[in-house]
């Protein structure tokens, strides 16, 4: 595992360039990594690598039919996976991004079911966390699920990541969280209905 330490409250690609390159290499080679997000440590991998996704689900002990969240540096990175919506529906979405709000979008027909689970939607977010966004710029969208076993409290430190997972990820980026006090809200982009507040 690689460790990053910082006293800074915000992570930047300049400060963490070497570690970001290493993290991107792990992701592109099918690895599973843990990294800070706005509120908790996330567990992530290449969303188009089924072996990596299934390993992540095994580590987390999460059922594949529940579906996953993807994060990206900007919405254009997510268009491979979701259908865009009319401007009237996109405006409230874009007003919250980048930021700790996850939106459900209609999934494209070819979006893998290891991402959508039993749903016809996919949960996506444009992250406001500088380090996570830099990582997405390097390697594309990432699976982003809290770095803990399903049903347990999310990890807020690298130590908790190691303690709360039965199998360690290939790499942990030690860097500060983004300052939010709870995991992202989840809203349906078509209706505005809240699924998690």
N, C-alpha and C. Protein backbone atom coordinates (compact mmCIF):
# COMPACT_ATOMS: atom_id res chain seq x y z
N UNK A 1 0.84 -1.19 0.00
CA UNK A 1 0.00 0.00 0.00
C UNK A 1 0.88 1.24 0.00
N UNK A 2 0.45 2.26 -0.72
CA UNK A 2 1.17 3.53 -0.75
C UNK A 2 0.46 4.50 0.15
N UNK A 3 1.21 5.27 0.91
CA UNK A 3 0.62 6.22 1.83
C UNK A 3 0.98 7.63 1.44
N UNK A 4 -0.01 8.49 1.49
CA UNK A 4 0.19 9.92 1.27
C UNK A 4 -0.18 10.64 2.54
N UNK A 5 0.65 11.55 2.96
CA UNK A 5 0.32 12.33 4.15
C UNK A 5 0.31 13.81 3.79
N UNK A 6 -0.57 14.55 4.45
CA UNK A 6 -0.63 15.99 4.19
C UNK A 6 -1.26 16.68 5.38
N UNK A 7 -0.77 17.87 5.70
CA UNK A 7 -1.41 18.71 6.70
C UNK A 7 -2.37 19.69 6.06
N UNK A 8 -2.39 19.71 4.74
CA UNK A 8 -3.24 20.64 4.00
C UNK A 8 -4.68 20.19 4.07
N UNK A 9 -5.61 21.14 4.00
CA UNK A 9 -7.03 20.78 3.99
C UNK A 9 -7.53 20.52 2.58
N UNK A 10 -6.77 20.86 1.56
CA UNK A 10 -7.17 20.55 0.20
C UNK A 10 -6.03 19.85 -0.52
N UNK A 11 -6.40 18.84 -1.31
CA UNK A 11 -5.39 18.10 -2.06
C UNK A 11 -5.28 18.68 -3.45
N UNK A 12 -4.08 18.75 -4.00
CA UNK A 12 -3.89 19.28 -5.35
C UNK A 12 -3.08 18.31 -6.17
N UNK A 13 -3.30 18.34 -7.48
CA UNK A 13 -2.56 17.45 -8.35
C UNK A 13 -1.07 17.77 -8.34
N UNK A 14 -0.70 19.05 -8.10
CA UNK A 14 0.71 19.40 -8.04
C UNK A 14 1.38 18.73 -6.84
N UNK A 15 0.75 18.79 -5.70
CA UNK A 15 1.34 18.23 -4.49
C UNK A 15 1.41 16.71 -4.53
N UNK A 16 0.40 16.09 -5.13
CA UNK A 16 0.28 14.65 -5.12
C UNK A 16 0.52 14.01 -6.48
N UNK A 17 1.22 14.72 -7.36
CA UNK A 17 1.39 14.25 -8.74
C UNK A 17 1.94 12.85 -8.86
N UNK A 18 3.01 12.54 -8.13
CA UNK A 18 3.62 11.21 -8.22
C UNK A 18 2.66 10.13 -7.76
N UNK A 19 1.99 10.37 -6.63
CA UNK A 19 1.06 9.37 -6.10
C UNK A 19 -0.18 9.23 -6.99
N UNK A 20 -0.61 10.34 -7.58
CA UNK A 20 -1.74 10.26 -8.51
C UNK A 20 -1.39 9.41 -9.72
N UNK A 21 -0.18 9.57 -10.22
CA UNK A 21 0.24 8.75 -11.36
C UNK A 21 0.25 7.28 -10.98
N UNK A 22 0.74 6.98 -9.79
CA UNK A 22 0.76 5.61 -9.32
C UNK A 22 -0.67 5.07 -9.15
N UNK A 23 -1.55 5.88 -8.57
CA UNK A 23 -2.94 5.47 -8.40
C UNK A 23 -3.59 5.21 -9.75
N UNK A 24 -3.35 6.09 -10.72
CA UNK A 24 -3.92 5.91 -12.06
C UNK A 24 -3.41 4.63 -12.70
N UNK A 25 -2.14 4.30 -12.47
CA UNK A 25 -1.60 3.05 -13.01
C UNK A 25 -2.28 1.84 -12.38
N UNK A 26 -2.52 1.89 -11.06
CA UNK A 26 -3.24 0.80 -10.41
C UNK A 26 -4.63 0.64 -11.00
N UNK A 27 -5.33 1.77 -11.19
CA UNK A 27 -6.69 1.70 -11.73
C UNK A 27 -6.67 1.12 -13.14
N UNK A 28 -5.76 1.62 -13.98
CA UNK A 28 -5.74 1.16 -15.37
C UNK A 28 -5.30 -0.29 -15.50
N UNK A 29 -4.59 -0.81 -14.49
CA UNK A 29 -4.15 -2.20 -14.54
C UNK A 29 -5.11 -3.14 -13.80
N UNK A 30 -6.27 -2.63 -13.40
CA UNK A 30 -7.28 -3.47 -12.78
C UNK A 30 -7.24 -3.50 -11.27
N UNK A 31 -6.53 -2.56 -10.65
CA UNK A 31 -6.44 -2.53 -9.19
C UNK A 31 -7.64 -1.87 -8.54
N UNK A 32 -7.71 -2.04 -7.23
CA UNK A 32 -8.73 -1.39 -6.39
C UNK A 32 -8.00 -0.47 -5.43
N UNK A 33 -8.43 0.77 -5.36
CA UNK A 33 -7.77 1.77 -4.53
C UNK A 33 -8.76 2.38 -3.54
N UNK A 34 -8.22 2.98 -2.49
CA UNK A 34 -9.03 3.78 -1.56
C UNK A 34 -8.51 5.21 -1.64
N UNK A 35 -9.42 6.17 -1.61
CA UNK A 35 -9.04 7.57 -1.79
C UNK A 35 -10.04 8.47 -1.08
N UNK A 36 -9.60 9.67 -0.69
CA UNK A 36 -10.51 10.57 0.01
C UNK A 36 -11.52 11.20 -0.94
N UNK A 37 -12.74 11.38 -0.42
CA UNK A 37 -13.76 12.12 -1.17
C UNK A 37 -14.23 13.27 -0.28
N UNK A 38 -15.39 13.84 -0.60
CA UNK A 38 -15.86 14.99 0.13
C UNK A 38 -16.06 14.70 1.63
N UNK A 39 -16.54 13.50 1.97
CA UNK A 39 -16.90 13.22 3.36
C UNK A 39 -16.27 11.96 3.94
N UNK A 40 -16.01 10.96 3.10
CA UNK A 40 -15.49 9.67 3.58
C UNK A 40 -14.46 9.15 2.58
N UNK A 41 -13.75 8.11 2.98
CA UNK A 41 -12.86 7.45 2.03
C UNK A 41 -13.69 6.57 1.11
N UNK A 42 -13.37 6.66 -0.18
CA UNK A 42 -14.05 5.85 -1.17
C UNK A 42 -13.19 4.68 -1.59
N UNK A 43 -13.86 3.65 -2.04
CA UNK A 43 -13.20 2.49 -2.64
C UNK A 43 -13.51 2.56 -4.12
N UNK A 44 -12.48 2.50 -4.96
CA UNK A 44 -12.72 2.72 -6.37
C UNK A 44 -11.91 1.83 -7.29
N UNK A 45 -12.33 1.81 -8.55
CA UNK A 45 -11.66 1.04 -9.59
C UNK A 45 -12.19 1.51 -10.94
N UNK A 46 -11.65 0.91 -11.99
CA UNK A 46 -12.11 1.18 -13.36
C UNK A 46 -13.51 0.59 -13.52
N UNK A 47 -14.51 1.43 -13.82
CA UNK A 47 -15.88 0.90 -13.91
C UNK A 47 -16.10 -0.04 -15.09
N UNK A 48 -15.19 -0.02 -16.08
CA UNK A 48 -15.36 -0.89 -17.24
C UNK A 48 -14.56 -2.18 -17.13
N UNK A 49 -13.93 -2.40 -16.00
CA UNK A 49 -13.17 -3.63 -15.79
C UNK A 49 -13.99 -4.54 -14.86
N UNK A 50 -14.65 -5.55 -15.42
CA UNK A 50 -15.54 -6.37 -14.58
C UNK A 50 -14.79 -7.10 -13.46
N UNK A 51 -13.56 -7.53 -13.72
CA UNK A 51 -12.81 -8.22 -12.67
C UNK A 51 -12.53 -7.29 -11.50
N UNK A 52 -12.15 -6.04 -11.81
CA UNK A 52 -11.88 -5.07 -10.75
C UNK A 52 -13.15 -4.75 -9.97
N UNK A 53 -14.26 -4.55 -10.67
CA UNK A 53 -15.51 -4.22 -9.99
C UNK A 53 -15.96 -5.37 -9.09
N UNK A 54 -15.87 -6.59 -9.60
CA UNK A 54 -16.30 -7.73 -8.78
C UNK A 54 -15.37 -7.94 -7.58
N UNK A 55 -14.09 -7.65 -7.76
CA UNK A 55 -13.20 -7.73 -6.60
C UNK A 55 -13.57 -6.66 -5.57
N UNK A 56 -13.84 -5.43 -6.04
CA UNK A 56 -14.26 -4.36 -5.12
C UNK A 56 -15.52 -4.78 -4.36
N UNK A 57 -16.48 -5.36 -5.06
CA UNK A 57 -17.72 -5.79 -4.41
C UNK A 57 -17.45 -6.89 -3.38
N UNK A 58 -16.50 -7.77 -3.71
CA UNK A 58 -16.15 -8.83 -2.76
C UNK A 58 -15.50 -8.23 -1.50
N UNK A 59 -14.58 -7.27 -1.70
CA UNK A 59 -13.93 -6.62 -0.57
C UNK A 59 -14.97 -5.93 0.32
N UNK A 60 -15.91 -5.27 -0.32
CA UNK A 60 -16.92 -4.51 0.42
C UNK A 60 -18.04 -5.41 0.95
N UNK A 61 -18.14 -6.61 0.37
CA UNK A 61 -19.24 -7.52 0.69
C UNK A 61 -20.58 -6.89 0.34
N UNK A 62 -20.61 -6.35 -0.86
CA UNK A 62 -21.81 -5.69 -1.38
C UNK A 62 -22.38 -6.52 -2.52
N UNK A 63 -23.68 -6.69 -2.54
CA UNK A 63 -24.34 -7.45 -3.61
C UNK A 63 -24.29 -6.66 -4.91
N UNK A 64 -24.03 -7.36 -6.00
CA UNK A 64 -23.91 -6.69 -7.30
C UNK A 64 -25.23 -6.08 -7.74
N UNK A 65 -26.36 -6.61 -7.29
CA UNK A 65 -27.64 -6.09 -7.77
C UNK A 65 -28.00 -4.73 -7.18
N UNK A 66 -27.23 -4.25 -6.19
CA UNK A 66 -27.52 -2.94 -5.60
C UNK A 66 -27.08 -1.78 -6.49
N UNK A 67 -26.12 -2.00 -7.37
CA UNK A 67 -25.60 -0.93 -8.20
C UNK A 67 -24.53 -0.12 -7.46
N UNK A 68 -23.85 0.73 -8.22
CA UNK A 68 -22.73 1.50 -7.68
C UNK A 68 -22.84 2.96 -8.11
N UNK A 69 -21.99 3.78 -7.50
CA UNK A 69 -21.87 5.20 -7.85
C UNK A 69 -20.60 5.39 -8.66
N UNK A 70 -20.66 6.26 -9.66
CA UNK A 70 -19.46 6.69 -10.38
C UNK A 70 -19.21 8.16 -10.08
N UNK A 71 -17.92 8.51 -9.92
CA UNK A 71 -17.56 9.92 -9.83
C UNK A 71 -16.73 10.29 -11.04
N UNK A 72 -16.71 11.59 -11.35
CA UNK A 72 -15.97 12.10 -12.49
C UNK A 72 -15.50 13.51 -12.20
N UNK A 73 -14.59 13.99 -13.05
CA UNK A 73 -14.10 15.36 -12.94
C UNK A 73 -15.06 16.34 -13.58
N UNK A 74 -15.83 15.90 -14.57
CA UNK A 74 -16.86 16.74 -15.19
C UNK A 74 -17.90 15.82 -15.83
N UNK A 75 -19.05 16.41 -16.16
CA UNK A 75 -20.18 15.60 -16.63
C UNK A 75 -19.87 14.90 -17.95
N UNK A 76 -19.04 15.50 -18.80
CA UNK A 76 -18.75 14.88 -20.09
C UNK A 76 -18.14 13.49 -19.92
N UNK A 77 -17.40 13.27 -18.82
CA UNK A 77 -16.82 11.96 -18.59
C UNK A 77 -17.87 10.89 -18.31
N UNK A 78 -19.05 11.30 -17.92
CA UNK A 78 -20.10 10.35 -17.54
C UNK A 78 -21.03 9.97 -18.69
N UNK A 79 -20.90 10.67 -19.82
CA UNK A 79 -21.83 10.45 -20.92
C UNK A 79 -21.66 9.09 -21.59
N UNK A 80 -20.58 8.40 -21.32
CA UNK A 80 -20.41 7.02 -21.79
C UNK A 80 -21.39 6.09 -21.07
N UNK A 81 -21.86 6.50 -19.89
CA UNK A 81 -22.65 5.62 -19.03
C UNK A 81 -24.11 6.03 -18.88
N UNK A 82 -24.41 7.33 -19.00
CA UNK A 82 -25.77 7.81 -18.73
C UNK A 82 -26.29 8.63 -19.89
N UNK A 83 -27.62 8.70 -19.97
CA UNK A 83 -28.29 9.52 -20.98
C UNK A 83 -28.45 10.94 -20.45
N UNK A 84 -28.09 11.94 -21.25
CA UNK A 84 -28.35 13.32 -20.79
C UNK A 84 -29.85 13.59 -20.73
N UNK A 85 -30.21 14.57 -19.94
CA UNK A 85 -31.61 14.93 -19.75
C UNK A 85 -31.88 16.29 -20.37
N UNK A 86 -33.15 16.66 -20.55
CA UNK A 86 -33.46 18.00 -21.07
C UNK A 86 -32.88 19.09 -20.17
N UNK A 87 -32.65 20.26 -20.76
CA UNK A 87 -32.04 21.37 -20.03
C UNK A 87 -32.78 21.70 -18.74
N UNK A 88 -34.11 21.61 -18.77
CA UNK A 88 -34.88 21.96 -17.57
C UNK A 88 -34.55 21.03 -16.40
N UNK A 89 -34.21 19.77 -16.69
CA UNK A 89 -33.84 18.83 -15.65
C UNK A 89 -32.36 18.88 -15.31
N UNK A 90 -31.55 19.30 -16.29
CA UNK A 90 -30.10 19.36 -16.06
C UNK A 90 -29.71 20.56 -15.20
N UNK A 91 -30.48 21.64 -15.28
CA UNK A 91 -30.10 22.85 -14.54
C UNK A 91 -29.93 22.61 -13.04
N UNK A 92 -30.91 21.96 -12.35
CA UNK A 92 -30.70 21.73 -10.92
C UNK A 92 -29.54 20.78 -10.63
N UNK A 93 -29.28 19.85 -11.53
CA UNK A 93 -28.15 18.93 -11.35
C UNK A 93 -26.85 19.72 -11.41
N UNK A 94 -26.69 20.47 -12.49
CA UNK A 94 -25.43 21.20 -12.71
C UNK A 94 -25.20 22.27 -11.65
N UNK A 95 -26.29 22.75 -11.04
CA UNK A 95 -26.15 23.75 -9.98
C UNK A 95 -25.49 23.17 -8.73
N UNK A 96 -25.53 21.84 -8.58
CA UNK A 96 -24.94 21.20 -7.39
C UNK A 96 -23.53 20.67 -7.64
N UNK A 97 -23.06 20.74 -8.87
CA UNK A 97 -21.76 20.15 -9.24
C UNK A 97 -20.75 21.21 -9.62
N UNK A 98 -19.47 21.02 -9.33
CA UNK A 98 -18.96 19.91 -8.53
C UNK A 98 -19.40 20.05 -7.08
N UNK A 99 -19.70 18.92 -6.46
CA UNK A 99 -20.15 18.95 -5.08
C UNK A 99 -20.61 17.60 -4.61
N UNK A 100 -20.93 17.49 -3.32
CA UNK A 100 -21.28 16.20 -2.72
C UNK A 100 -22.75 15.82 -2.89
N UNK A 101 -23.24 15.91 -4.13
CA UNK A 101 -24.60 15.48 -4.42
C UNK A 101 -24.53 14.48 -5.57
N UNK A 102 -25.09 13.30 -5.34
CA UNK A 102 -25.13 12.23 -6.34
C UNK A 102 -26.52 12.21 -6.96
N UNK A 103 -26.56 12.08 -8.29
CA UNK A 103 -27.83 12.08 -9.01
C UNK A 103 -28.01 10.78 -9.77
N UNK A 104 -29.23 10.28 -9.78
CA UNK A 104 -29.58 9.11 -10.59
C UNK A 104 -29.98 9.57 -11.98
N UNK A 105 -29.31 9.02 -13.00
CA UNK A 105 -29.62 9.29 -14.39
C UNK A 105 -30.06 8.00 -15.08
N UNK A 106 -30.84 8.11 -16.15
CA UNK A 106 -31.12 6.91 -16.93
C UNK A 106 -29.80 6.35 -17.48
N UNK A 107 -29.59 5.07 -17.29
CA UNK A 107 -28.37 4.44 -17.79
C UNK A 107 -28.49 4.20 -19.29
N UNK A 108 -27.37 4.35 -19.99
CA UNK A 108 -27.36 3.97 -21.41
C UNK A 108 -27.61 2.47 -21.52
N UNK A 109 -28.21 2.03 -22.63
CA UNK A 109 -28.53 0.60 -22.75
C UNK A 109 -27.30 -0.32 -22.65
N UNK A 110 -26.13 0.19 -23.03
CA UNK A 110 -24.94 -0.66 -22.99
C UNK A 110 -24.13 -0.50 -21.70
N UNK A 111 -24.65 0.22 -20.72
CA UNK A 111 -23.96 0.34 -19.44
C UNK A 111 -23.98 -1.02 -18.74
N UNK A 112 -22.82 -1.50 -18.29
CA UNK A 112 -22.76 -2.84 -17.71
C UNK A 112 -23.64 -2.99 -16.47
N UNK A 113 -24.23 -4.18 -16.33
CA UNK A 113 -25.11 -4.40 -15.17
C UNK A 113 -24.32 -4.56 -13.88
N UNK A 114 -23.00 -4.73 -13.96
CA UNK A 114 -22.23 -4.75 -12.72
C UNK A 114 -22.14 -3.33 -12.13
N UNK A 115 -22.54 -2.31 -12.89
CA UNK A 115 -22.62 -0.94 -12.38
C UNK A 115 -24.04 -0.58 -11.97
N UNK A 116 -25.00 -0.93 -12.81
CA UNK A 116 -26.39 -0.54 -12.54
C UNK A 116 -27.10 -1.47 -11.58
N UNK A 117 -26.60 -2.71 -11.45
CA UNK A 117 -27.31 -3.68 -10.64
C UNK A 117 -28.66 -4.00 -11.25
N UNK A 118 -29.70 -4.02 -10.44
CA UNK A 118 -31.03 -4.36 -10.93
C UNK A 118 -31.79 -3.14 -11.46
N UNK A 119 -31.12 -1.99 -11.54
CA UNK A 119 -31.79 -0.73 -11.88
C UNK A 119 -31.60 -0.36 -13.35
N UNK A 120 -32.46 0.54 -13.83
CA UNK A 120 -32.27 1.10 -15.18
C UNK A 120 -31.63 2.48 -15.10
N UNK A 121 -31.14 2.83 -13.91
CA UNK A 121 -30.48 4.12 -13.68
C UNK A 121 -29.06 3.87 -13.17
N UNK A 122 -28.26 4.93 -13.19
CA UNK A 122 -26.92 4.87 -12.63
C UNK A 122 -26.71 6.12 -11.78
N UNK A 123 -26.12 5.94 -10.62
CA UNK A 123 -25.83 7.05 -9.71
C UNK A 123 -24.47 7.65 -10.06
N UNK A 124 -24.44 8.96 -10.29
CA UNK A 124 -23.21 9.63 -10.73
C UNK A 124 -23.03 10.95 -9.99
N UNK A 125 -21.76 11.38 -9.89
CA UNK A 125 -21.45 12.64 -9.22
C UNK A 125 -20.20 13.25 -9.84
N UNK A 126 -20.22 14.56 -10.02
CA UNK A 126 -19.01 15.31 -10.36
C UNK A 126 -18.43 15.78 -9.04
N UNK A 127 -17.28 15.22 -8.68
CA UNK A 127 -16.73 15.43 -7.35
C UNK A 127 -16.12 16.82 -7.20
N UNK A 128 -16.24 17.34 -5.98
CA UNK A 128 -15.60 18.62 -5.64
C UNK A 128 -14.28 18.40 -4.92
N UNK A 129 -13.92 17.15 -4.68
CA UNK A 129 -12.66 16.88 -3.99
C UNK A 129 -11.52 16.97 -5.00
N UNK A 130 -10.56 17.86 -4.75
CA UNK A 130 -9.52 18.15 -5.74
C UNK A 130 -8.70 16.92 -6.11
N UNK A 131 -8.34 16.10 -5.13
CA UNK A 131 -7.54 14.92 -5.41
C UNK A 131 -8.33 13.90 -6.21
N UNK A 132 -9.57 13.65 -5.81
CA UNK A 132 -10.41 12.69 -6.54
C UNK A 132 -10.66 13.18 -7.96
N UNK A 133 -10.90 14.48 -8.14
CA UNK A 133 -11.11 15.02 -9.48
C UNK A 133 -9.85 14.88 -10.33
N UNK A 134 -8.69 15.14 -9.74
CA UNK A 134 -7.43 14.98 -10.48
C UNK A 134 -7.23 13.54 -10.91
N UNK A 135 -7.59 12.61 -10.05
CA UNK A 135 -7.48 11.20 -10.38
C UNK A 135 -8.40 10.86 -11.55
N UNK A 136 -9.62 11.38 -11.53
CA UNK A 136 -10.55 11.14 -12.63
C UNK A 136 -10.05 11.76 -13.94
N UNK A 137 -9.39 12.91 -13.86
CA UNK A 137 -8.82 13.49 -15.08
C UNK A 137 -7.72 12.61 -15.66
N UNK A 138 -7.02 11.90 -14.79
CA UNK A 138 -5.94 11.02 -15.26
C UNK A 138 -6.45 9.70 -15.82
N UNK A 139 -7.48 9.13 -15.19
CA UNK A 139 -7.85 7.77 -15.60
C UNK A 139 -9.33 7.60 -15.94
N UNK A 140 -10.09 8.69 -15.97
CA UNK A 140 -11.50 8.59 -16.31
C UNK A 140 -12.36 8.39 -15.07
N UNK A 141 -13.67 8.21 -15.25
CA UNK A 141 -14.58 8.04 -14.11
C UNK A 141 -14.16 6.85 -13.26
N UNK A 142 -14.49 6.92 -11.98
CA UNK A 142 -14.16 5.87 -11.03
C UNK A 142 -15.41 5.37 -10.34
N UNK A 143 -15.43 4.07 -10.07
CA UNK A 143 -16.40 3.58 -9.09
C UNK A 143 -16.10 4.28 -7.77
N UNK A 144 -17.13 4.69 -7.06
CA UNK A 144 -16.94 5.36 -5.77
C UNK A 144 -17.98 4.85 -4.79
N UNK A 145 -17.54 3.95 -3.93
CA UNK A 145 -18.40 3.44 -2.86
C UNK A 145 -17.62 3.57 -1.57
N UNK A 146 -18.30 3.79 -0.48
CA UNK A 146 -17.57 4.02 0.78
C UNK A 146 -16.68 2.82 1.12
N UNK A 147 -15.51 3.12 1.67
CA UNK A 147 -14.49 2.11 1.94
C UNK A 147 -14.76 1.43 3.28
N UNK A 148 -15.79 0.60 3.29
CA UNK A 148 -16.17 -0.16 4.48
C UNK A 148 -17.01 -1.33 4.01
N UNK A 149 -17.20 -2.30 4.87
CA UNK A 149 -18.10 -3.39 4.53
C UNK A 149 -19.53 -2.87 4.50
N UNK A 150 -20.33 -3.44 3.62
CA UNK A 150 -21.72 -3.01 3.45
C UNK A 150 -22.44 -3.03 4.79
N UNK A 151 -23.16 -1.94 5.05
CA UNK A 151 -23.96 -1.85 6.27
C UNK A 151 -23.21 -1.35 7.49
N UNK A 152 -21.91 -1.08 7.35
CA UNK A 152 -21.13 -0.61 8.48
C UNK A 152 -20.76 0.86 8.28
N UNK A 153 -20.25 1.49 9.33
CA UNK A 153 -19.93 2.91 9.27
C UNK A 153 -18.83 3.17 8.25
N UNK A 154 -18.95 4.23 7.46
CA UNK A 154 -17.91 4.54 6.47
C UNK A 154 -16.60 4.96 7.12
N UNK A 155 -15.52 4.66 6.44
CA UNK A 155 -14.19 5.00 6.93
C UNK A 155 -13.89 6.47 6.65
N UNK A 156 -13.38 7.15 7.67
CA UNK A 156 -13.03 8.57 7.51
C UNK A 156 -11.52 8.81 7.65
N UNK A 157 -10.76 7.75 7.86
CA UNK A 157 -9.30 7.85 7.92
C UNK A 157 -8.69 6.65 7.22
N UNK A 158 -7.44 6.76 6.80
CA UNK A 158 -6.77 5.60 6.20
C UNK A 158 -6.71 4.41 7.16
N UNK A 159 -6.51 4.67 8.45
CA UNK A 159 -6.49 3.58 9.42
C UNK A 159 -7.82 2.85 9.45
N UNK A 160 -8.92 3.59 9.42
CA UNK A 160 -10.23 2.95 9.40
C UNK A 160 -10.45 2.15 8.12
N UNK A 161 -9.90 2.62 7.00
CA UNK A 161 -9.98 1.83 5.76
C UNK A 161 -9.37 0.46 5.99
N UNK A 162 -8.17 0.43 6.56
CA UNK A 162 -7.49 -0.84 6.79
C UNK A 162 -8.23 -1.71 7.80
N UNK A 163 -8.80 -1.09 8.81
CA UNK A 163 -9.46 -1.85 9.87
C UNK A 163 -10.82 -2.38 9.44
N UNK A 164 -11.49 -1.69 8.53
CA UNK A 164 -12.89 -2.03 8.24
C UNK A 164 -13.07 -2.88 7.00
N UNK A 165 -11.98 -3.21 6.32
CA UNK A 165 -12.09 -4.04 5.12
C UNK A 165 -11.42 -5.39 5.36
N UNK A 166 -12.04 -6.48 4.92
CA UNK A 166 -11.44 -7.79 5.14
C UNK A 166 -10.21 -8.04 4.27
N UNK A 167 -10.09 -7.29 3.19
CA UNK A 167 -8.95 -7.39 2.28
C UNK A 167 -8.52 -5.97 1.94
N UNK A 168 -7.25 -5.64 2.09
CA UNK A 168 -6.84 -4.26 1.82
C UNK A 168 -6.87 -3.94 0.33
N UNK A 169 -7.14 -2.69 -0.02
CA UNK A 169 -7.02 -2.28 -1.42
C UNK A 169 -5.55 -2.27 -1.82
N UNK A 170 -5.30 -2.14 -3.11
CA UNK A 170 -3.93 -2.14 -3.60
C UNK A 170 -3.18 -0.89 -3.20
N UNK A 171 -3.90 0.19 -2.98
CA UNK A 171 -3.28 1.47 -2.67
C UNK A 171 -4.26 2.32 -1.87
N UNK A 172 -3.75 3.04 -0.88
CA UNK A 172 -4.55 4.02 -0.14
C UNK A 172 -3.88 5.37 -0.30
N UNK A 173 -4.62 6.35 -0.78
CA UNK A 173 -4.11 7.72 -0.87
C UNK A 173 -4.39 8.41 0.46
N UNK A 174 -3.34 8.66 1.21
CA UNK A 174 -3.48 9.36 2.49
C UNK A 174 -3.53 10.85 2.22
N UNK A 175 -4.70 11.42 2.32
CA UNK A 175 -4.90 12.85 2.10
C UNK A 175 -6.19 13.24 2.80
N UNK A 176 -6.38 14.54 3.06
CA UNK A 176 -7.56 14.97 3.81
C UNK A 176 -8.87 14.76 3.05
N UNK A 177 -9.93 14.54 3.81
CA UNK A 177 -11.27 14.54 3.24
C UNK A 177 -11.65 15.96 2.87
N UNK A 178 -12.78 16.08 2.16
CA UNK A 178 -13.18 17.38 1.67
C UNK A 178 -13.92 18.27 2.64
N UNK A 179 -14.25 17.80 3.83
CA UNK A 179 -14.88 18.67 4.82
C UNK A 179 -16.37 18.48 4.99
N UNK A 180 -17.03 17.70 4.11
CA UNK A 180 -18.45 17.43 4.30
C UNK A 180 -18.62 16.50 5.50
N UNK A 181 -19.73 16.63 6.21
CA UNK A 181 -19.90 15.85 7.43
C UNK A 181 -20.72 14.58 7.25
N UNK A 182 -21.17 14.32 6.03
CA UNK A 182 -21.93 13.09 5.77
C UNK A 182 -21.77 12.69 4.31
N UNK A 183 -21.98 11.41 3.99
CA UNK A 183 -21.90 10.99 2.58
C UNK A 183 -22.87 11.77 1.71
N UNK A 184 -22.62 11.74 0.41
CA UNK A 184 -23.38 12.56 -0.53
C UNK A 184 -24.87 12.24 -0.49
N UNK A 185 -25.69 13.30 -0.68
CA UNK A 185 -27.12 13.09 -0.90
C UNK A 185 -27.29 12.38 -2.24
N UNK A 186 -28.34 11.58 -2.36
CA UNK A 186 -28.66 10.93 -3.63
C UNK A 186 -30.06 11.36 -4.04
N UNK A 187 -30.17 11.95 -5.23
CA UNK A 187 -31.44 12.45 -5.75
C UNK A 187 -31.68 11.88 -7.14
N UNK A 188 -32.94 11.72 -7.50
CA UNK A 188 -33.31 11.28 -8.84
C UNK A 188 -33.35 12.49 -9.76
N UNK A 189 -32.54 12.50 -10.81
CA UNK A 189 -32.45 13.66 -11.70
C UNK A 189 -33.74 13.86 -12.49
N UNK A 190 -34.52 12.83 -12.66
CA UNK A 190 -35.76 12.98 -13.45
C UNK A 190 -36.90 13.55 -12.62
N UNK A 191 -36.89 13.30 -11.31
CA UNK A 191 -38.03 13.71 -10.47
C UNK A 191 -37.63 14.63 -9.33
N UNK A 192 -36.35 14.68 -9.00
CA UNK A 192 -35.90 15.43 -7.83
C UNK A 192 -36.11 14.71 -6.52
N UNK A 193 -36.68 13.50 -6.56
CA UNK A 193 -36.96 12.75 -5.34
C UNK A 193 -35.66 12.36 -4.64
N UNK A 194 -35.64 12.51 -3.32
CA UNK A 194 -34.45 12.18 -2.53
C UNK A 194 -34.47 10.71 -2.17
N UNK A 195 -33.35 10.01 -2.45
CA UNK A 195 -33.21 8.61 -2.05
C UNK A 195 -32.33 8.50 -0.82
N UNK A 196 -31.40 9.43 -0.64
CA UNK A 196 -30.59 9.50 0.57
C UNK A 196 -30.32 10.97 0.86
N UNK A 197 -30.60 11.40 2.09
CA UNK A 197 -30.43 12.81 2.43
C UNK A 197 -29.33 12.96 3.47
